[in-house]
Amino acid sequence: MLLGVSCKLLSAFLFTVMASLVRAIGTDVPTGQVVFARSLFALVPLMAWLMWRGDVVKTLKTDRPLGHLLRSAIGVSSMFCMFAGLARLPLPDATVLGYASPLMTIIFAAVLLRERVRAHRWTAVAIGLAGVVIMLWPQLESGALASVVTGDAPASETAVGAAFAICATVLTAAAMIQIRRLTQSEGTGAIVFYFTVWSTVIGLTISLTFGWVWPDARTALLLVGTGLVGGVAQILLTEGYRHADASLIAPFEYTTILWALAIGFLAFGDLPSSSMVIGGAIVVGSGVAVVLRERKLGIKRARVRKASPPSPGA
């Protein structure tokens, strides 16, 4: 259990480091090129990990290649929006807006997977979405966010970044739903491997189609670092869920805001706005409430199963 929590904490830190590298790259190269580099260089630690585990051949086996392609297409779209948002927003703001994704996942799970969502979770979702509105209120009040959609007036970089960040939360939630479908027949290694490979192919295709920029030495190092750090973070996240229950380690995701605040301020001078602080606190509180509630119900169901006598012939 301690190993699982440690892996989750370290993965949260490394994902924040990866986000800061993307923030440092900014708009020096097209976003599609950042997606390509993130995916390509993540293959290095991923393949080393699979070879160490002896799972390479097993991982390559799949009965659902189209399912992996769909998950990858959604995931790449999410990554594109996430990176585009990071290039235009303060690091803490982009991090906090990403916390809305689990709330969207609950909605999609109820609608698409027909999962039973009780009143407690619906209440948490409603409160959390209110927090998202508070975070975006300055952009909504000024009409800047609306101008991104309508194109009636030139939109600020912050408004464009906020729009990309919100799109990323929706697409990330959709990717999580597809991952749940894949886990019914596919292993974790296969899901991670094929997503990384397809992301590399899709990112390269987008870059070559819409423009490739040869980076300078600094940007090239940042691109390589984005992939390597992101790949290691993904492995640690996977190992975390292997060694501890999801309901136990999920709340530690919110430690990313601590790293985002520290790195954002020290590296970029980023400070969150008051609306981001208030709205983010509401979103985080809603997310933690959902996780703790589900953990409590999971413990209760486990006790019921343990107390139930085995059926005849079992």
Protein backbone atom coordinates (compact mmCIF):
# COMPACT_ATOMS: atom_id res chain seq x y z
CA MET A 1 0.00 0.00 0.00
CA LEU A 2 2.80 2.42 0.91
CA LEU A 3 4.54 1.63 -2.37
CA GLY A 4 1.35 2.41 -4.29
CA VAL A 5 0.93 5.78 -2.57
CA SER A 6 4.60 6.61 -3.12
CA CYS A 7 4.34 5.82 -6.85
CA LYS A 8 1.23 7.97 -7.14
CA LEU A 9 2.84 10.91 -5.36
CA LEU A 10 5.96 10.72 -7.51
CA SER A 11 3.90 10.39 -10.70
CA ALA A 12 1.88 13.47 -9.72
CA PHE A 13 5.11 15.43 -9.27
CA LEU A 14 6.55 14.25 -12.59
CA PHE A 15 3.34 15.01 -14.50
CA THR A 16 3.56 18.54 -13.11
CA VAL A 17 7.19 18.76 -14.22
CA MET A 18 6.09 17.60 -17.68
CA ALA A 19 3.39 20.28 -17.74
CA SER A 20 5.96 22.90 -16.77
CA LEU A 21 8.18 21.79 -19.67
CA VAL A 22 5.23 22.20 -22.04
CA ARG A 23 4.58 25.61 -20.48
CA ALA A 24 8.23 26.53 -21.13
CA ILE A 25 7.99 25.46 -24.77
CA GLY A 26 4.93 27.67 -25.19
CA THR A 27 4.18 28.40 -28.84
CA ASP A 28 7.79 28.03 -30.05
CA VAL A 29 6.71 24.93 -31.99
CA PRO A 30 3.24 23.77 -33.09
CA THR A 31 1.23 21.89 -30.48
CA GLY A 32 1.05 18.80 -32.70
CA GLN A 33 4.82 18.63 -32.62
CA VAL A 34 4.80 18.74 -28.81
CA VAL A 35 2.29 15.85 -28.80
CA PHE A 36 4.57 13.91 -31.16
CA ALA A 37 7.66 14.45 -28.99
CA ARG A 38 5.76 13.62 -25.79
CA SER A 39 4.63 10.32 -27.29
CA LEU A 40 7.82 9.35 -29.16
CA PHE A 41 10.28 9.83 -26.32
CA ALA A 42 7.87 8.28 -23.80
CA LEU A 43 8.41 5.02 -25.68
CA VAL A 44 11.99 4.85 -24.33
CA PRO A 45 11.14 4.33 -20.63
CA LEU A 46 7.98 2.42 -21.56
CA MET A 47 9.82 -0.19 -23.64
CA ALA A 48 12.55 -0.48 -21.00
CA TRP A 49 9.87 -1.10 -18.36
CA LEU A 50 8.08 -3.72 -20.45
CA MET A 51 11.34 -5.52 -21.24
CA TRP A 52 12.28 -5.50 -17.55
CA ARG A 53 8.92 -7.06 -16.71
CA GLY A 54 9.22 -9.53 -19.59
CA ASP A 55 5.81 -8.43 -20.92
CA VAL A 56 6.75 -7.18 -24.40
CA VAL A 57 5.30 -10.07 -26.41
CA LYS A 58 2.27 -10.35 -24.12
CA THR A 59 1.64 -6.62 -24.36
CA LEU A 60 1.65 -6.61 -28.17
CA LYS A 61 -1.23 -9.08 -28.25
CA THR A 62 -4.61 -7.44 -28.61
CA ASP A 63 -8.08 -8.42 -29.74
CA ARG A 64 -9.28 -4.83 -30.08
CA PRO A 65 -6.99 -2.81 -32.35
CA LEU A 66 -9.81 -0.45 -33.36
CA GLY A 67 -10.66 0.11 -29.71
CA HIS A 68 -7.07 1.19 -29.07
CA LEU A 69 -7.19 3.46 -32.11
CA LEU A 70 -10.37 5.13 -30.85
CA ARG A 71 -8.89 5.59 -27.37
CA SER A 72 -5.74 7.04 -28.93
CA ALA A 73 -7.63 9.45 -31.19
CA ILE A 74 -9.57 10.79 -28.20
CA GLY A 75 -6.46 10.84 -26.02
CA VAL A 76 -4.38 12.70 -28.62
CA SER A 77 -7.16 15.29 -29.01
CA SER A 78 -7.18 15.72 -25.24
CA MET A 79 -3.39 16.01 -25.13
CA PHE A 80 -3.45 18.58 -27.94
CA CYS A 81 -5.99 20.74 -26.07
CA MET A 82 -4.16 20.29 -22.78
CA PHE A 83 -0.81 21.36 -24.24
CA ALA A 84 -2.41 24.27 -26.10
CA GLY A 85 -3.94 25.42 -22.81
CA LEU A 86 -0.64 25.04 -20.93
CA ALA A 87 1.12 27.19 -23.53
CA ARG A 88 -1.29 30.06 -22.86
CA LEU A 89 -2.26 29.80 -19.19
CA PRO A 90 -0.43 30.09 -15.87
CA LEU A 91 0.59 26.62 -14.71
CA PRO A 92 -1.63 26.63 -11.56
CA ASP A 93 -4.68 27.75 -13.58
CA ALA A 94 -4.25 25.02 -16.18
CA THR A 95 -3.72 22.43 -13.43
CA VAL A 96 -6.84 23.38 -11.49
CA LEU A 97 -9.04 23.46 -14.59
CA GLY A 98 -7.92 19.90 -15.30
CA TYR A 99 -9.48 18.78 -12.02
CA ALA A 100 -12.91 19.08 -13.66
CA SER A 101 -12.19 15.98 -15.73
CA PRO A 102 -13.24 13.40 -13.06
CA LEU A 103 -16.57 15.22 -12.72
CA MET A 104 -17.12 14.93 -16.47
CA THR A 105 -16.18 11.25 -16.27
CA ILE A 106 -19.03 10.64 -13.82
CA ILE A 107 -21.49 12.25 -16.23
CA PHE A 108 -20.20 10.22 -19.20
CA ALA A 109 -20.21 7.00 -17.16
CA ALA A 110 -23.88 7.53 -16.31
CA VAL A 111 -24.88 8.40 -19.89
CA LEU A 112 -22.65 6.10 -21.96
CA LEU A 113 -21.91 3.17 -19.65
CA ARG A 114 -25.25 3.25 -17.84
CA GLU A 115 -23.47 3.22 -14.50
CA ARG A 116 -25.65 3.90 -11.49
CA VAL A 117 -24.82 7.32 -10.09
CA ARG A 118 -26.35 8.07 -6.71
CA ALA A 119 -27.56 11.43 -5.45
CA HIS A 120 -24.35 11.97 -3.46
CA ARG A 121 -22.20 11.91 -6.61
CA TRP A 122 -24.66 14.00 -8.63
CA THR A 123 -24.58 16.62 -5.88
CA ALA A 124 -20.78 16.61 -5.90
CA VAL A 125 -20.77 16.98 -9.69
CA ALA A 126 -23.18 19.91 -9.56
CA ILE A 127 -21.11 21.67 -6.87
CA GLY A 128 -17.90 20.94 -8.76
CA LEU A 129 -19.26 22.36 -12.01
CA ALA A 130 -20.29 25.48 -10.10
CA GLY A 131 -16.64 25.72 -9.07
CA VAL A 132 -15.62 25.53 -12.75
CA VAL A 133 -17.97 28.43 -13.53
CA ILE A 134 -16.35 30.45 -10.73
CA MET A 135 -12.89 29.71 -12.13
CA LEU A 136 -13.96 30.87 -15.58
CA TRP A 137 -16.07 33.79 -14.34
CA PRO A 138 -13.64 36.58 -15.34
CA GLN A 139 -13.55 35.21 -18.89
CA LEU A 140 -17.32 34.72 -18.95
CA GLU A 141 -18.11 38.13 -17.51
CA SER A 142 -15.89 39.98 -19.97
CA GLY A 143 -17.19 38.00 -22.92
CA ALA A 144 -13.64 36.89 -23.76
CA LEU A 145 -14.52 33.20 -23.63
CA ALA A 146 -17.57 33.75 -25.84
CA SER A 147 -15.42 35.52 -28.42
CA VAL A 148 -13.30 32.39 -28.74
CA VAL A 149 -16.39 30.46 -29.84
CA THR A 150 -18.10 33.12 -31.96
CA GLY A 151 -15.01 34.78 -33.39
CA ASP A 152 -16.75 38.15 -33.20
CA ALA A 153 -13.66 39.81 -31.72
CA PRO A 154 -9.99 38.93 -31.26
CA ALA A 155 -9.69 36.69 -28.20
CA SER A 156 -6.97 37.04 -25.59
CA GLU A 157 -4.38 34.31 -25.15
CA THR A 158 -5.79 33.59 -21.68
CA ALA A 159 -9.30 33.11 -23.03
CA VAL A 160 -8.03 30.82 -25.79
CA GLY A 161 -6.03 28.85 -23.22
CA ALA A 162 -9.07 28.50 -20.96
CA ALA A 163 -11.18 27.25 -23.87
CA PHE A 164 -8.54 24.65 -24.75
CA ALA A 165 -8.26 23.59 -21.09
CA ILE A 166 -12.01 23.02 -20.81
CA CYS A 167 -12.04 21.02 -24.05
CA ALA A 168 -9.19 18.94 -22.64
CA THR A 169 -11.20 18.06 -19.51
CA VAL A 170 -14.14 16.84 -21.61
CA LEU A 171 -11.91 14.82 -23.95
CA THR A 172 -9.94 13.35 -21.04
CA ALA A 173 -13.19 12.16 -19.49
CA ALA A 174 -14.20 10.59 -22.80
CA ALA A 175 -10.82 8.85 -22.98
CA MET A 176 -11.35 7.45 -19.48
CA ILE A 177 -14.64 5.94 -20.59
CA GLN A 178 -12.96 4.23 -23.53
CA ILE A 179 -10.21 2.96 -21.23
CA ARG A 180 -12.86 1.41 -18.97
CA ARG A 181 -14.24 -0.40 -21.99
CA LEU A 182 -10.81 -1.64 -23.00
CA THR A 183 -9.95 -2.92 -19.52
CA GLN A 184 -12.71 -5.51 -19.88
CA SER A 185 -10.43 -7.50 -22.23
CA GLU A 186 -7.09 -5.66 -22.49
CA GLY A 187 -4.21 -5.39 -20.06
CA THR A 188 -2.83 -2.14 -18.69
CA GLY A 189 0.46 -2.56 -20.55
CA ALA A 190 -1.32 -2.99 -23.88
CA ILE A 191 -3.49 0.09 -23.31
CA VAL A 192 -0.48 2.25 -22.45
CA PHE A 193 1.69 0.84 -25.25
CA TYR A 194 -0.79 1.21 -28.09
CA PHE A 195 -1.83 4.66 -26.92
CA THR A 196 1.79 5.79 -26.96
CA VAL A 197 2.45 4.30 -30.39
CA TRP A 198 -0.72 5.69 -31.97
CA SER A 199 -0.13 9.06 -30.33
CA THR A 200 3.30 9.18 -31.93
CA VAL A 201 1.89 8.38 -35.37
CA ILE A 202 -1.02 10.81 -35.09
CA GLY A 203 1.17 13.58 -33.66
CA LEU A 204 3.72 13.18 -36.47
CA THR A 205 0.98 13.17 -39.11
CA ILE A 206 -0.55 16.36 -37.72
CA SER A 207 2.87 18.03 -37.52
CA LEU A 208 3.86 17.15 -41.09
CA THR A 209 0.44 18.16 -42.43
CA PHE A 210 0.03 21.50 -40.68
CA GLY A 211 3.64 22.58 -40.38
CA TRP A 212 6.90 21.35 -38.85
CA VAL A 213 9.29 23.71 -37.12
CA TRP A 214 12.86 22.67 -36.51
CA PRO A 215 13.47 23.54 -32.84
CA ASP A 216 16.55 25.22 -31.47
CA ALA A 217 18.73 23.37 -28.96
CA ARG A 218 16.81 24.63 -25.91
CA THR A 219 13.40 23.72 -27.33
CA ALA A 220 14.68 20.33 -28.51
CA LEU A 221 15.86 19.49 -24.99
CA LEU A 222 12.50 20.55 -23.59
CA LEU A 223 10.68 18.35 -26.11
CA VAL A 224 12.83 15.33 -25.28
CA GLY A 225 12.40 15.97 -21.56
CA THR A 226 8.62 16.20 -21.97
CA GLY A 227 8.51 12.70 -23.43
CA LEU A 228 10.95 11.07 -21.03
CA VAL A 229 9.42 12.61 -17.90
CA GLY A 230 5.88 11.90 -19.11
CA GLY A 231 6.77 8.28 -19.89
CA VAL A 232 8.26 7.66 -16.44
CA ALA A 233 5.27 9.37 -14.82
CA GLN A 234 2.89 7.09 -16.73
CA ILE A 235 4.77 4.00 -15.56
CA LEU A 236 4.73 5.15 -11.94
CA LEU A 237 1.01 5.89 -12.19
CA THR A 238 0.40 2.37 -13.51
CA GLU A 239 2.50 0.83 -10.74
CA GLY A 240 0.65 2.92 -8.17
CA TYR A 241 -2.68 1.44 -9.18
CA ARG A 242 -1.07 -2.01 -9.19
CA HIS A 243 0.03 -1.80 -5.56
CA ALA A 244 -2.88 0.07 -3.96
CA ASP A 245 -6.61 0.49 -4.39
CA ALA A 246 -7.68 3.24 -6.75
CA SER A 247 -9.95 4.76 -4.12
CA LEU A 248 -6.99 5.05 -1.74
CA ILE A 249 -4.51 6.76 -4.03
CA ALA A 250 -6.88 8.83 -6.20
CA PRO A 251 -7.01 11.82 -3.77
CA PHE A 252 -3.22 12.19 -4.03
CA GLU A 253 -3.77 13.46 -7.59
CA TYR A 254 -4.60 16.81 -6.04
CA THR A 255 -1.02 17.18 -4.76
CA THR A 256 -0.25 18.39 -8.29
CA ILE A 257 -1.60 21.82 -7.33
CA LEU A 258 1.13 22.17 -4.70
CA TRP A 259 3.82 21.42 -7.26
CA ALA A 260 2.09 23.62 -9.85
CA LEU A 261 2.03 26.57 -7.45
CA ALA A 262 5.69 26.12 -6.53
CA ILE A 263 7.05 25.46 -10.02
CA GLY A 264 4.74 28.01 -11.63
CA PHE A 265 5.89 30.77 -9.30
CA LEU A 266 9.61 29.91 -9.27
CA ALA A 267 9.96 29.20 -13.00
CA PHE A 268 7.42 31.55 -14.59
CA GLY A 269 6.25 33.94 -11.89
CA ASP A 270 2.73 32.47 -12.23
CA LEU A 271 0.19 33.19 -9.52
CA PRO A 272 -3.43 31.98 -9.59
CA SER A 273 -6.24 34.52 -9.63
CA SER A 274 -8.70 34.75 -6.75
CA SER A 275 -11.43 33.17 -8.88
CA MET A 276 -9.12 30.23 -9.63
CA VAL A 277 -8.34 29.77 -5.93
CA ILE A 278 -12.01 29.83 -4.87
CA GLY A 279 -13.35 27.79 -7.77
CA GLY A 280 -10.44 25.35 -7.62
CA ALA A 281 -11.02 24.71 -3.92
CA ILE A 282 -14.65 23.88 -4.67
CA VAL A 283 -13.72 21.52 -7.51
CA VAL A 284 -11.06 19.77 -5.42
CA GLY A 285 -13.46 19.43 -2.49
CA SER A 286 -16.09 17.88 -4.75
CA GLY A 287 -13.59 15.44 -6.24
CA VAL A 288 -12.29 14.35 -2.85
CA ALA A 289 -15.85 13.92 -1.56
CA VAL A 290 -16.66 11.58 -4.46
CA VAL A 291 -13.51 9.52 -3.92
CA LEU A 292 -14.02 9.19 -0.16
CA ARG A 293 -17.68 8.28 -0.62
CA GLU A 294 -16.84 5.59 -3.16
CA ARG A 295 -14.14 4.22 -0.88
CA LYS A 296 -16.62 4.00 1.97
CA LEU A 297 -19.14 2.18 -0.23
CA GLY A 298 -16.41 -0.14 -1.52
CA ILE A 299 -15.44 -1.11 2.03
CA LYS A 300 -19.10 -1.68 2.88
CA ARG A 301 -19.63 -3.92 -0.17
CA ALA A 302 -16.50 -5.91 0.69
CA ARG A 303 -17.79 -6.52 4.22
CA VAL A 304 -21.15 -7.67 2.86
CA ARG A 305 -19.48 -10.14 0.48
CA LYS A 306 -17.25 -11.43 3.27
CA ALA A 307 -20.20 -11.90 5.61
CA SER A 308 -22.39 -13.62 2.99
CA PRO A 309 -22.28 -17.43 3.18
CA PRO A 310 -21.06 -19.20 0.03
CA SER A 311 -23.77 -20.48 -2.27
CA PRO A 312 -24.38 -24.25 -2.46
CA GLY A 313 -21.99 -25.98 -4.82
CA ALA A 314 -19.54 -23.05 -4.81
